[in-house]
PDB file of N, CA and C in Angstrom:
ATOM      1  N   MET A   1       0.655  -1.327   0.131  1.00  0.00           N
ATOM      2  CA  MET A   1       0.161   0.023   0.031  1.00  0.00           C
ATOM      3  C   MET A   1       0.624   0.860  -0.189  1.00  0.00           C
ATOM      4  N   SER A   2       0.550   2.134  -0.933  1.00  0.00           N
ATOM      5  CA  SER A   2       1.041   3.410  -0.877  1.00  0.00           C
ATOM      6  C   SER A   2       0.091   4.328  -0.326  1.00  0.00           C
ATOM      7  N   THR A   3       0.689   5.248   0.114  1.00  0.00           N
ATOM      8  CA  THR A   3      -0.011   6.556   1.057  1.00  0.00           C
ATOM      9  C   THR A   3       0.573   7.921   0.184  1.00  0.00           C
ATOM     10  N   TYR A   4      -0.462   8.517  -0.364  1.00  0.00           N
ATOM     11  CA  TYR A   4      -0.119   9.999  -0.914  1.00  0.00           C
ATOM     12  C   TYR A   4       0.204  10.923   0.037  1.00  0.00           C
ATOM     13  N   VAL A   5       1.568  11.338  -0.243  1.00  0.00           N
ATOM     14  CA  VAL A   5       2.029  12.310   0.799  1.00  0.00           C
ATOM     15  C   VAL A   5       2.358  13.572   0.035  1.00  0.00           C
ATOM     16  N   ARG A   6       1.595  14.730   0.617  1.00  0.00           N
ATOM     17  CA  ARG A   6       1.865  16.127  -0.312  1.00  0.00           C
ATOM     18  C   ARG A   6       2.924  16.572   0.512  1.00  0.00           C
ATOM     19  N   ARG A   7       3.818  16.747  -0.567  1.00  0.00           N
ATOM     20  CA  ARG A   7       4.772  17.945   0.037  1.00  0.00           C
ATOM     21  C   ARG A   7       4.901  19.428  -0.481  1.00  0.00           C
ATOM     22  N   ARG A   8       5.386  19.820   0.619  1.00  0.00           N
ATOM     23  CA  ARG A   8       5.343  21.185   0.341  1.00  0.00           C
ATOM     24  C   ARG A   8       6.625  21.668  -0.243  1.00  0.00           C
ATOM     25  N   SER A   9       6.453  22.284  -1.401  1.00  0.00           N
ATOM     26  CA  SER A   9       7.203  23.041  -2.117  1.00  0.00           C
ATOM     27  C   SER A   9       7.911  24.077  -1.903  1.00  0.00           C
ATOM     28  N   TYR A  10       8.805  24.744  -2.288  1.00  0.00           N
ATOM     29  CA  TYR A  10       9.378  25.991  -1.924  1.00  0.00           C
ATOM     30  C   TYR A  10       8.538  27.153  -2.657  1.00  0.00           C
ATOM     31  N   TYR A  11       8.066  27.004  -3.777  1.00  0.00           N
ATOM     32  CA  TYR A  11       6.970  27.446  -4.689  1.00  0.00           C
ATOM     33  C   TYR A  11       5.836  26.708  -4.425  1.00  0.00           C
ATOM     34  N   ARG A  12       4.459  27.731  -4.131  1.00  0.00           N
ATOM     35  CA  ARG A  12       3.464  27.186  -4.193  1.00  0.00           C
ATOM     36  C   ARG A  12       2.379  27.260  -5.340  1.00  0.00           C
ATOM     37  N   HIS A  13       2.082  26.453  -6.297  1.00  0.00           N
ATOM     38  CA  HIS A  13       1.672  26.661  -7.562  1.00  0.00           C
ATOM     39  C   HIS A  13      -0.244  26.748  -7.236  1.00  0.00           C
ATOM     40  N   ASP A  14      -0.446  26.224  -5.860  1.00  0.00           N
ATOM     41  CA  ASP A  14      -1.603  26.556  -5.867  1.00  0.00           C
ATOM     42  C   ASP A  14      -2.137  27.598  -4.835  1.00  0.00           C
ATOM     43  N   SER A  15      -1.397  29.040  -5.114  1.00  0.00           N
ATOM     44  CA  SER A  15      -2.043  30.056  -4.887  1.00  0.00           C
ATOM     45  C   SER A  15      -3.482  30.750  -5.061  1.00  0.00           C
ATOM     46  N   ILE A  16      -4.230  30.857  -4.285  1.00  0.00           N
ATOM     47  CA  ILE A  16      -5.219  31.532  -4.924  1.00  0.00           C
ATOM     48  C   ILE A  16      -5.052  32.671  -5.389  1.00  0.00           C
ATOM     49  N   ALA A  17      -4.527  33.818  -4.906  1.00  0.00           N
ATOM     50  CA  ALA A  17      -3.936  35.219  -5.304  1.00  0.00           C
ATOM     51  C   ALA A  17      -3.445  35.137  -6.491  1.00  0.00           C
ATOM     52  N   ALA A  18      -2.332  33.776  -6.860  1.00  0.00           N
ATOM     53  CA  ALA A  18      -1.581  33.543  -8.414  1.00  0.00           C
ATOM     54  C   ALA A  18      -2.747  33.025  -9.017  1.00  0.00           C
ATOM     55  N   ASN A  19      -3.650  32.315  -8.966  1.00  0.00           N
ATOM     56  CA  ASN A  19      -4.819  32.288  -9.592  1.00  0.00           C
ATOM     57  C   ASN A  19      -5.608  33.080 -10.351  1.00  0.00           C
ATOM     58  N   ILE A  20      -5.958  34.304  -9.135  1.00  0.00           N
ATOM     59  CA  ILE A  20      -6.705  35.154  -9.715  1.00  0.00           C
ATOM     60  C   ILE A  20      -5.570  36.287 -10.735  1.00  0.00           C
ATOM     61  N   ILE A  21      -4.750  36.364 -10.625  1.00  0.00           N
ATOM     62  CA  ILE A  21      -3.985  37.344 -11.368  1.00  0.00           C
ATOM     63  C   ILE A  21      -3.867  36.261 -12.838  1.00  0.00           C
ATOM     64  N   SER A  22      -3.612  35.265 -12.655  1.00  0.00           N
ATOM     65  CA  SER A  22      -3.849  34.568 -14.218  1.00  0.00           C
ATOM     66  C   SER A  22      -4.746  34.783 -14.445  1.00  0.00           C
ATOM     67  N   ALA A  23      -6.208  34.619 -14.014  1.00  0.00           N
ATOM     68  CA  ALA A  23      -7.079  34.711 -14.434  1.00  0.00           C
ATOM     69  C   ALA A  23      -7.451  35.785 -14.969  1.00  0.00           C
ATOM     70  N   ILE A  24      -7.231  37.246 -14.511  1.00  0.00           N
ATOM     71  CA  ILE A  24      -7.245  38.096 -14.943  1.00  0.00           C
ATOM     72  C   ILE A  24      -6.660  38.799 -16.173  1.00  0.00           C
ATOM     73  N   GLY A  25      -5.504  37.820 -16.392  1.00  0.00           N
ATOM     74  CA  GLY A  25      -4.933  37.956 -17.591  1.00  0.00           C
ATOM     75  C   GLY A  25      -5.509  37.540 -18.728  1.00  0.00           C
ATOM     76  N   ALA A  26      -6.321  36.162 -18.375  1.00  0.00           N
ATOM     77  CA  ALA A  26      -6.599  35.283 -19.329  1.00  0.00           C
ATOM     78  C   ALA A  26      -7.976  36.287 -19.668  1.00  0.00           C
ATOM     79  N   ILE A  27      -8.619  36.838 -19.001  1.00  0.00           N
ATOM     80  CA  ILE A  27     -10.098  37.893 -19.396  1.00  0.00           C
ATOM     81  C   ILE A  27      -9.223  38.782 -19.792  1.00  0.00           C
ATOM     82  N   ILE A  28      -8.520  39.433 -19.751  1.00  0.00           N
ATOM     83  CA  ILE A  28      -8.088  40.456 -20.769  1.00  0.00           C
ATOM     84  C   ILE A  28      -7.624  40.140 -22.230  1.00  0.00           C
ATOM     85  N   ALA A  29      -6.874  39.109 -22.234  1.00  0.00           N
ATOM     86  CA  ALA A  29      -6.521  38.629 -23.467  1.00  0.00           C
ATOM     87  C   ALA A  29      -7.792  38.066 -24.286  1.00  0.00           C
ATOM     88  N   VAL A  30      -8.643  37.508 -23.498  1.00  0.00           N
ATOM     89  CA  VAL A  30     -10.213  36.769 -24.310  1.00  0.00           C
ATOM     90  C   VAL A  30     -11.012  38.526 -24.709  1.00  0.00           C
ATOM     91  N   ILE A  31     -11.086  39.414 -23.740  1.00  0.00           N
ATOM     92  CA  ILE A  31     -11.456  40.757 -24.455  1.00  0.00           C
ATOM     93  C   ILE A  31     -10.940  41.026 -25.720  1.00  0.00           C
ATOM     94  N   ILE A  32      -9.543  41.425 -25.479  1.00  0.00           N
ATOM     95  CA  ILE A  32      -8.688  41.795 -26.747  1.00  0.00           C
ATOM     96  C   ILE A  32      -9.093  41.008 -28.154  1.00  0.00           C
ATOM     97  N   VAL A  33      -9.152  39.544 -27.667  1.00  0.00           N
ATOM     98  CA  VAL A  33      -8.923  38.786 -28.889  1.00  0.00           C
ATOM     99  C   VAL A  33     -10.434  38.611 -29.731  1.00  0.00           C
ATOM    100  N   ALA A  34     -11.625  38.796 -28.622  1.00  0.00           N
ATOM    101  CA  ALA A  34     -12.936  38.713 -29.023  1.00  0.00           C
ATOM    102  C   ALA A  34     -12.895  40.507 -29.924  1.00  0.00           C
ATOM    103  N   HIS A  35     -12.261  41.638 -29.550  1.00  0.00           N
ATOM    104  CA  HIS A  35     -12.343  42.870 -30.592  1.00  0.00           C
ATOM    105  C   HIS A  35     -11.600  42.305 -32.182  1.00  0.00           C
ATOM    106  N   ILE A  36     -10.676  41.855 -31.629  1.00  0.00           N
ATOM    107  CA  ILE A  36      -9.734  41.880 -33.057  1.00  0.00           C
ATOM    108  C   ILE A  36     -10.995  40.859 -33.791  1.00  0.00           C
ATOM    109  N   LEU A  37     -11.539  39.472 -33.560  1.00  0.00           N
ATOM    110  CA  LEU A  37     -12.294  38.867 -34.149  1.00  0.00           C
ATOM    111  C   LEU A  37     -13.547  39.266 -34.966  1.00  0.00           C
ATOM    112  N   PHE A  38     -14.413  40.595 -33.827  1.00  0.00           N
ATOM    113  CA  PHE A  38     -15.464  41.353 -34.004  1.00  0.00           C
ATOM    114  C   PHE A  38     -15.109  41.912 -35.215  1.00  0.00           C
ATOM    115  N   VAL A  39     -13.925  42.751 -35.325  1.00  0.00           N
ATOM    116  CA  VAL A  39     -13.601  43.594 -36.606  1.00  0.00           C
ATOM    117  C   VAL A  39     -12.934  42.875 -37.647  1.00  0.00           C
ATOM    118  N   LEU A  40     -12.226  41.573 -37.559  1.00  0.00           N
ATOM    119  CA  LEU A  40     -12.108  41.050 -38.640  1.00  0.00           C
ATOM    120  C   LEU A  40     -13.196  40.333 -39.187  1.00  0.00           C
ATOM    121  N   PHE A  41     -14.292  40.025 -38.476  1.00  0.00           N
ATOM    122  CA  PHE A  41     -15.471  39.546 -39.376  1.00  0.00           C
ATOM    123  C   PHE A  41     -16.516  40.104 -39.594  1.00  0.00           C
ATOM    124  N   GLY A  42     -16.362  42.017 -39.473  1.00  0.00           N
ATOM    125  CA  GLY A  42     -17.394  42.422 -39.557  1.00  0.00           C
ATOM    126  C   GLY A  42     -18.388  42.934 -38.902  1.00  0.00           C
ATOM    127  N   ALA A  43     -18.134  42.772 -37.431  1.00  0.00           N
ATOM    128  CA  ALA A  43     -19.313  42.618 -36.327  1.00  0.00           C
ATOM    129  C   ALA A  43     -20.157  43.808 -36.633  1.00  0.00           C
ATOM    130  N   ASN A  44     -21.169  43.777 -36.396  1.00  0.00           N
ATOM    131  CA  ASN A  44     -22.054  45.261 -36.372  1.00  0.00           C
ATOM    132  C   ASN A  44     -21.717  46.264 -35.164  1.00  0.00           C
ATOM    133  N   PRO A  45     -20.927  47.631 -35.654  1.00  0.00           N
ATOM    134  CA  PRO A  45     -20.458  48.350 -34.688  1.00  0.00           C
ATOM    135  C   PRO A  45     -21.403  48.881 -33.330  1.00  0.00           C
ATOM    136  N   ALA A  46     -22.760  48.820 -33.767  1.00  0.00           N
ATOM    137  CA  ALA A  46     -23.662  49.474 -33.031  1.00  0.00           C
ATOM    138  C   ALA A  46     -24.489  48.682 -32.149  1.00  0.00           C
ATOM    139  N   ASN A  47     -23.792  47.126 -32.635  1.00  0.00           N
ATOM    140  CA  ASN A  47     -24.382  46.325 -31.289  1.00  0.00           C
ATOM    141  C   ASN A  47     -23.838  46.511 -30.152  1.00  0.00           C
ATOM    142  N   THR A  48     -24.395  45.903 -29.277  1.00  0.00           N
ATOM    143  CA  THR A  48     -24.262  46.957 -27.369  1.00  0.00           C
ATOM    144  C   THR A  48     -22.899  45.842 -27.074  1.00  0.00           C
ATOM    145  N   LEU A  49     -22.876  44.230 -27.407  1.00  0.00           N
ATOM    146  CA  LEU A  49     -21.791  43.704 -26.937  1.00  0.00           C
ATOM    147  C   LEU A  49     -20.114  44.209 -27.760  1.00  0.00           C
ATOM    148  N   VAL A  50     -20.574  44.335 -28.889  1.00  0.00           N
ATOM    149  CA  VAL A  50     -19.271  44.568 -29.855  1.00  0.00           C
ATOM    150  C   VAL A  50     -18.987  46.052 -29.143  1.00  0.00           C
ATOM    151  N   THR A  51     -20.059  47.200 -29.082  1.00  0.00           N
ATOM    152  CA  THR A  51     -19.638  48.087 -28.252  1.00  0.00           C
ATOM    153  C   THR A  51     -18.484  48.326 -26.913  1.00  0.00           C
ATOM    154  N   PHE A  52     -19.463  47.268 -26.277  1.00  0.00           N
ATOM    155  CA  PHE A  52     -18.543  46.730 -24.858  1.00  0.00           C
ATOM    156  C   PHE A  52     -17.242  46.613 -25.075  1.00  0.00           C
ATOM    157  N   VAL A  53     -16.963  45.162 -25.715  1.00  0.00           N
ATOM    158  CA  VAL A  53     -15.643  44.979 -26.242  1.00  0.00           C
ATOM    159  C   VAL A  53     -15.096  45.657 -26.683  1.00  0.00           C
ATOM    160  N   ARG A  54     -15.379  46.709 -27.635  1.00  0.00           N
ATOM    161  CA  ARG A  54     -14.375  47.829 -28.411  1.00  0.00           C
ATOM    162  C   ARG A  54     -13.943  48.686 -27.254  1.00  0.00           C
ATOM    163  N   ASN A  55     -14.546  49.050 -26.193  1.00  0.00           N
ATOM    164  CA  ASN A  55     -14.503  50.240 -25.606  1.00  0.00           C
ATOM    165  C   ASN A  55     -13.320  49.331 -24.597  1.00  0.00           C
ATOM    166  N   TRP A  56     -13.709  48.345 -24.076  1.00  0.00           N
ATOM    167  CA  TRP A  56     -12.763  48.050 -23.160  1.00  0.00           C
ATOM    168  C   TRP A  56     -11.177  47.949 -23.946  1.00  0.00           C
ATOM    169  N   ALA A  57     -11.385  46.576 -24.994  1.00  0.00           N
ATOM    170  CA  ALA A  57     -10.068  46.320 -25.692  1.00  0.00           C
ATOM    171  C   ALA A  57      -9.761  47.641 -25.953  1.00  0.00           C
ATOM    172  N   ASN A  58      -9.798  48.845 -26.364  1.00  0.00           N
ATOM    173  CA  ASN A  58      -9.124  50.064 -26.419  1.00  0.00           C
ATOM    174  C   ASN A  58      -8.648  50.524 -25.096  1.00  0.00           C
ATOM    175  N   VAL A  59      -9.559  50.384 -24.007  1.00  0.00           N
ATOM    176  CA  VAL A  59      -8.543  50.787 -22.962  1.00  0.00           C
ATOM    177  C   VAL A  59      -7.433  49.882 -23.014  1.00  0.00           C
ATOM    178  N   LEU A  60      -7.738  48.661 -22.446  1.00  0.00           N
ATOM    179  CA  LEU A  60      -6.586  47.529 -22.317  1.00  0.00           C
ATOM    180  C   LEU A  60      -5.347  47.427 -23.390  1.00  0.00           C
ATOM    181  N   ALA A  61      -5.663  48.058 -24.311  1.00  0.00           N
ATOM    182  CA  ALA A  61      -4.763  47.864 -25.456  1.00  0.00           C
ATOM    183  C   ALA A  61      -3.732  48.746 -25.087  1.00  0.00           C
ATOM    184  N   LEU A  62      -3.951  49.874 -24.009  1.00  0.00           N
ATOM    185  CA  LEU A  62      -2.840  51.172 -23.433  1.00  0.00           C
ATOM    186  C   LEU A  62      -1.991  51.723 -24.618  1.00  0.00           C
ATOM    187  N   TRP A  63      -0.996  51.850 -25.268  1.00  0.00           N
ATOM    188  CA  TRP A  63      -0.484  52.503 -25.731  1.00  0.00           C
ATOM    189  C   TRP A  63      -0.029  51.703 -27.184  1.00  0.00           C
ATOM    190  N   PHE A  64      -0.280  50.172 -27.161  1.00  0.00           N
ATOM    191  CA  PHE A  64      -0.602  49.600 -28.539  1.00  0.00           C
ATOM    192  C   PHE A  64      -1.556  49.783 -29.368  1.00  0.00           C
ATOM    193  N   HIS A  65      -2.294  50.261 -29.149  1.00  0.00           N
ATOM    194  CA  HIS A  65      -3.827  50.545 -30.193  1.00  0.00           C
ATOM    195  C   HIS A  65      -2.842  51.176 -31.501  1.00  0.00           C
ATOM    196  N   ASP A  66      -2.255  51.865 -31.437  1.00  0.00           N
ATOM    197  CA  ASP A  66      -1.561  52.638 -32.737  1.00  0.00           C
ATOM    198  C   ASP A  66      -0.101  53.078 -32.401  1.00  0.00           C
ATOM    199  N   LEU A  67       0.719  51.788 -32.307  1.00  0.00           N
ATOM    200  CA  LEU A  67       1.824  51.672 -32.298  1.00  0.00           C
ATOM    201  C   LEU A  67       2.814  51.784 -33.597  1.00  0.00           C
ATOM    202  N   PHE A  68       2.218  50.633 -34.663  1.00  0.00           N
ATOM    203  CA  PHE A  68       2.655  50.254 -35.831  1.00  0.00           C
ATOM    204  C   PHE A  68       1.931  50.668 -36.748  1.00  0.00           C
ATOM    205  N   ASN A  69       2.358  51.201 -37.982  1.00  0.00           N
ATOM    206  CA  ASN A  69       1.351  51.481 -38.994  1.00  0.00           C
ATOM    207  C   ASN A  69       2.052  51.024 -40.293  1.00  0.00           C
ATOM    208  N   THR A  70       1.606  49.844 -40.669  1.00  0.00           N
ATOM    209  CA  THR A  70       1.642  49.129 -41.390  1.00  0.00           C
ATOM    210  C   THR A  70       1.330  49.297 -43.084  1.00  0.00           C
ATOM    211  N   GLY A  71       0.290  50.278 -42.836  1.00  0.00           N
ATOM    212  CA  GLY A  71      -0.650  50.727 -43.917  1.00  0.00           C
ATOM    213  C   GLY A  71      -1.625  49.950 -44.627  1.00  0.00           C
ATOM    214  N   ASN A  72      -1.953  48.701 -43.742  1.00  0.00           N
ATOM    215  CA  ASN A  72      -2.805  47.980 -43.762  1.00  0.00           C
ATOM    216  C   ASN A  72      -3.917  47.783 -42.529  1.00  0.00           C
ATOM    217  N   ALA A  73      -5.095  48.570 -42.570  1.00  0.00           N
ATOM    218  CA  ALA A  73      -5.753  48.386 -41.524  1.00  0.00           C
ATOM    219  C   ALA A  73      -5.808  47.274 -40.588  1.00  0.00           C
ATOM    220  N   THR A  74      -6.265  45.759 -41.286  1.00  0.00           N
ATOM    221  CA  THR A  74      -6.174  44.728 -40.835  1.00  0.00           C
ATOM    222  C   THR A  74      -5.020  44.370 -39.973  1.00  0.00           C
ATOM    223  N   LEU A  75      -3.893  44.304 -40.717  1.00  0.00           N
ATOM    224  CA  LEU A  75      -2.752  44.265 -39.978  1.00  0.00           C
ATOM    225  C   LEU A  75      -2.166  44.658 -38.899  1.00  0.00           C
ATOM    226  N   ASN A  76      -2.685  46.249 -39.017  1.00  0.00           N
ATOM    227  CA  ASN A  76      -2.328  47.044 -37.734  1.00  0.00           C
ATOM    228  C   ASN A  76      -3.365  46.723 -36.719  1.00  0.00           C
ATOM    229  N   LEU A  77      -4.484  45.687 -37.007  1.00  0.00           N
ATOM    230  CA  LEU A  77      -5.375  45.743 -35.732  1.00  0.00           C
ATOM    231  C   LEU A  77      -4.490  44.344 -35.070  1.00  0.00           C
ATOM    232  N   ILE A  78      -4.274  43.338 -35.864  1.00  0.00           N
ATOM    233  CA  ILE A  78      -3.662  42.058 -35.557  1.00  0.00           C
ATOM    234  C   ILE A  78      -2.252  42.522 -34.822  1.00  0.00           C
ATOM    235  N   VAL A  79      -1.622  43.002 -35.480  1.00  0.00           N
ATOM    236  CA  VAL A  79      -0.149  43.300 -34.687  1.00  0.00           C
ATOM    237  C   VAL A  79      -0.048  43.858 -33.431  1.00  0.00           C
ATOM    238  N   ASN A  80      -1.119  45.473 -33.488  1.00  0.00           N
ATOM    239  CA  ASN A  80      -0.758  46.223 -32.483  1.00  0.00           C
ATOM    240  C   ASN A  80      -1.464  45.652 -30.983  1.00  0.00           C
ATOM    241  N   TYR A  81      -2.769  44.813 -31.501  1.00  0.00           N
ATOM    242  CA  TYR A  81      -3.643  44.488 -30.292  1.00  0.00           C
ATOM    243  C   TYR A  81      -2.985  43.477 -30.100  1.00  0.00           C
ATOM    244  N   GLY A  82      -2.569  42.315 -31.076  1.00  0.00           N
ATOM    245  CA  GLY A  82      -1.490  41.242 -30.559  1.00  0.00           C
ATOM    246  C   GLY A  82      -0.624  41.505 -29.704  1.00  0.00           C
ATOM    247  N   LEU A  83       0.056  42.879 -29.698  1.00  0.00           N
ATOM    248  CA  LEU A  83       1.141  43.086 -29.104  1.00  0.00           C
ATOM    249  C   LEU A  83       0.501  43.237 -27.326  1.00  0.00           C
ATOM    250  N   ALA A  84      -0.782  43.778 -27.503  1.00  0.00           N
ATOM    251  CA  ALA A  84      -1.301  43.899 -26.269  1.00  0.00           C
ATOM    252  C   ALA A  84      -1.643  42.859 -25.452  1.00  0.00           C
ATOM    253  N   ILE A  85      -1.836  41.857 -26.277  1.00  0.00           N
ATOM    254  CA  ILE A  85      -2.550  40.623 -25.620  1.00  0.00           C
ATOM    255  C   ILE A  85      -1.025  39.819 -25.149  1.00  0.00           C
ATOM    256  N   VAL A  86      -0.070  39.870 -25.933  1.00  0.00           N
ATOM    257  CA  VAL A  86       1.594  39.430 -25.038  1.00  0.00           C
ATOM    258  C   VAL A  86       1.741  40.117 -24.065  1.00  0.00           C
ATOM    259  N   PHE A  87       1.748  40.864 -24.085  1.00  0.00           N
ATOM    260  CA  PHE A  87       2.059  42.288 -23.375  1.00  0.00           C
ATOM    261  C   PHE A  87       1.031  41.888 -21.572  1.00  0.00           C
ATOM    262  N   TRP A  88       0.313  41.740 -21.787  1.00  0.00           N
ATOM    263  CA  TRP A  88      -0.479  41.421 -20.426  1.00  0.00           C
ATOM    264  C   TRP A  88      -0.432  39.586 -20.439  1.00  0.00           C
ATOM    265  N   LEU A  89      -0.486  39.090 -20.985  1.00  0.00           N
ATOM    266  CA  LEU A  89      -0.003  37.775 -20.438  1.00  0.00           C
ATOM    267  C   LEU A  89       1.016  37.289 -19.826  1.00  0.00           C
ATOM    268  N   VAL A  90       2.395  38.424 -20.289  1.00  0.00           N
ATOM    269  CA  VAL A  90       3.191  38.372 -19.551  1.00  0.00           C
ATOM    270  C   VAL A  90       3.326  38.912 -18.367  1.00  0.00           C
ATOM    271  N   VAL A  91       2.754  40.250 -18.593  1.00  0.00           N
ATOM    272  CA  VAL A  91       3.148  40.789 -17.140  1.00  0.00           C
ATOM    273  C   VAL A  91       2.111  40.084 -15.883  1.00  0.00           C
ATOM    274  N   THR A  92       1.199  39.136 -16.246  1.00  0.00           N
ATOM    275  CA  THR A  92      -0.018  38.917 -15.369  1.00  0.00           C
ATOM    276  C   THR A  92       1.224  37.474 -14.958  1.00  0.00           C
ATOM    277  N   GLY A  93       1.519  36.656 -16.042  1.00  0.00           N
ATOM    278  CA  GLY A  93       2.212  35.610 -15.886  1.00  0.00           C
ATOM    279  C   GLY A  93       3.540  35.881 -14.705  1.00  0.00           C
ATOM    280  N   ILE A  94       4.208  36.939 -14.904  1.00  0.00           N
ATOM    281  CA  ILE A  94       5.493  37.464 -14.060  1.00  0.00           C
ATOM    282  C   ILE A  94       4.779  37.589 -12.578  1.00  0.00           C
ATOM    283  N   LEU A  95       3.578  37.978 -12.805  1.00  0.00           N
ATOM    284  CA  LEU A  95       3.039  38.614 -11.149  1.00  0.00           C
ATOM    285  C   LEU A  95       2.618  37.653 -10.382  1.00  0.00           C
ATOM    286  N   ALA A  96       1.923  36.586 -11.275  1.00  0.00           N
ATOM    287  CA  ALA A  96       1.880  35.158 -10.734  1.00  0.00           C
ATOM    288  C   ALA A  96       2.699  34.216  -9.903  1.00  0.00           C
ATOM    289  N   ARG A  97       3.907  34.196 -11.000  1.00  0.00           N
ATOM    290  CA  ARG A  97       4.773  33.897 -10.168  1.00  0.00           C
ATOM    291  C   ARG A  97       5.136  34.293  -8.904  1.00  0.00           C
ATOM    292  N   ILE A  98       5.301  35.838  -8.810  1.00  0.00           N
ATOM    293  CA  ILE A  98       5.730  36.470  -7.897  1.00  0.00           C
ATOM    294  C   ILE A  98       5.154  36.585  -6.685  1.00  0.00           C
ATOM    295  N   VAL A  99       3.816  36.510  -7.057  1.00  0.00           N
ATOM    296  CA  VAL A  99       2.801  35.803  -5.858  1.00  0.00           C
ATOM    297  C   VAL A  99       2.882  34.833  -5.246  1.00  0.00           C
ATOM    298  N   ALA A 100       3.112  33.882  -6.012  1.00  0.00           N
ATOM    299  CA  ALA A 100       2.987  32.397  -6.055  1.00  0.00           C
ATOM    300  C   ALA A 100       4.454  32.323  -4.912  1.00  0.00           C
ATOM    301  N   ARG A 101       5.284  32.598  -5.414  1.00  0.00           N
ATOM    302  CA  ARG A 101       6.719  32.387  -4.386  1.00  0.00           C
ATOM    303  C   ARG A 101       6.614  32.949  -3.279  1.00  0.00           C
ATOM    304  N   ARG A 102       5.956  34.575  -2.965  1.00  0.00           N
ATOM    305  CA  ARG A 102       5.688  35.256  -1.628  1.00  0.00           C
ATOM    306  C   ARG A 102       4.767  34.493  -0.856  1.00  0.00           C
ATOM    307  N   PHE A 103       3.814  33.864  -1.128  1.00  0.00           N
ATOM    308  CA  PHE A 103       2.558  33.400  -0.330  1.00  0.00           C
ATOM    309  C   PHE A 103       2.409  32.060  -0.694  1.00  0.00           C
TER     310      PHE A 103
END
């Protein structure tokens, strides 16, 4: 018979605060991806959901929403908002690791 013994490691990967931070990063990424998809597929800009997502995506894109101008509106959208997604996932990932180590 083997007995399962949970060992406490130096880094707690099950930190609630770290999971919350990671979830926030994922939610931000989903909002920005939804905005990109709405624009690419030509969603009705007067729709309440599309307007809500667009407003939040513009706020969450920070300084990235007009960082590069490639001459192609679609490529601008993908590159600039894609950079914002990467930024938020990296920042929240780093913060989650720091919090997981501390708590």
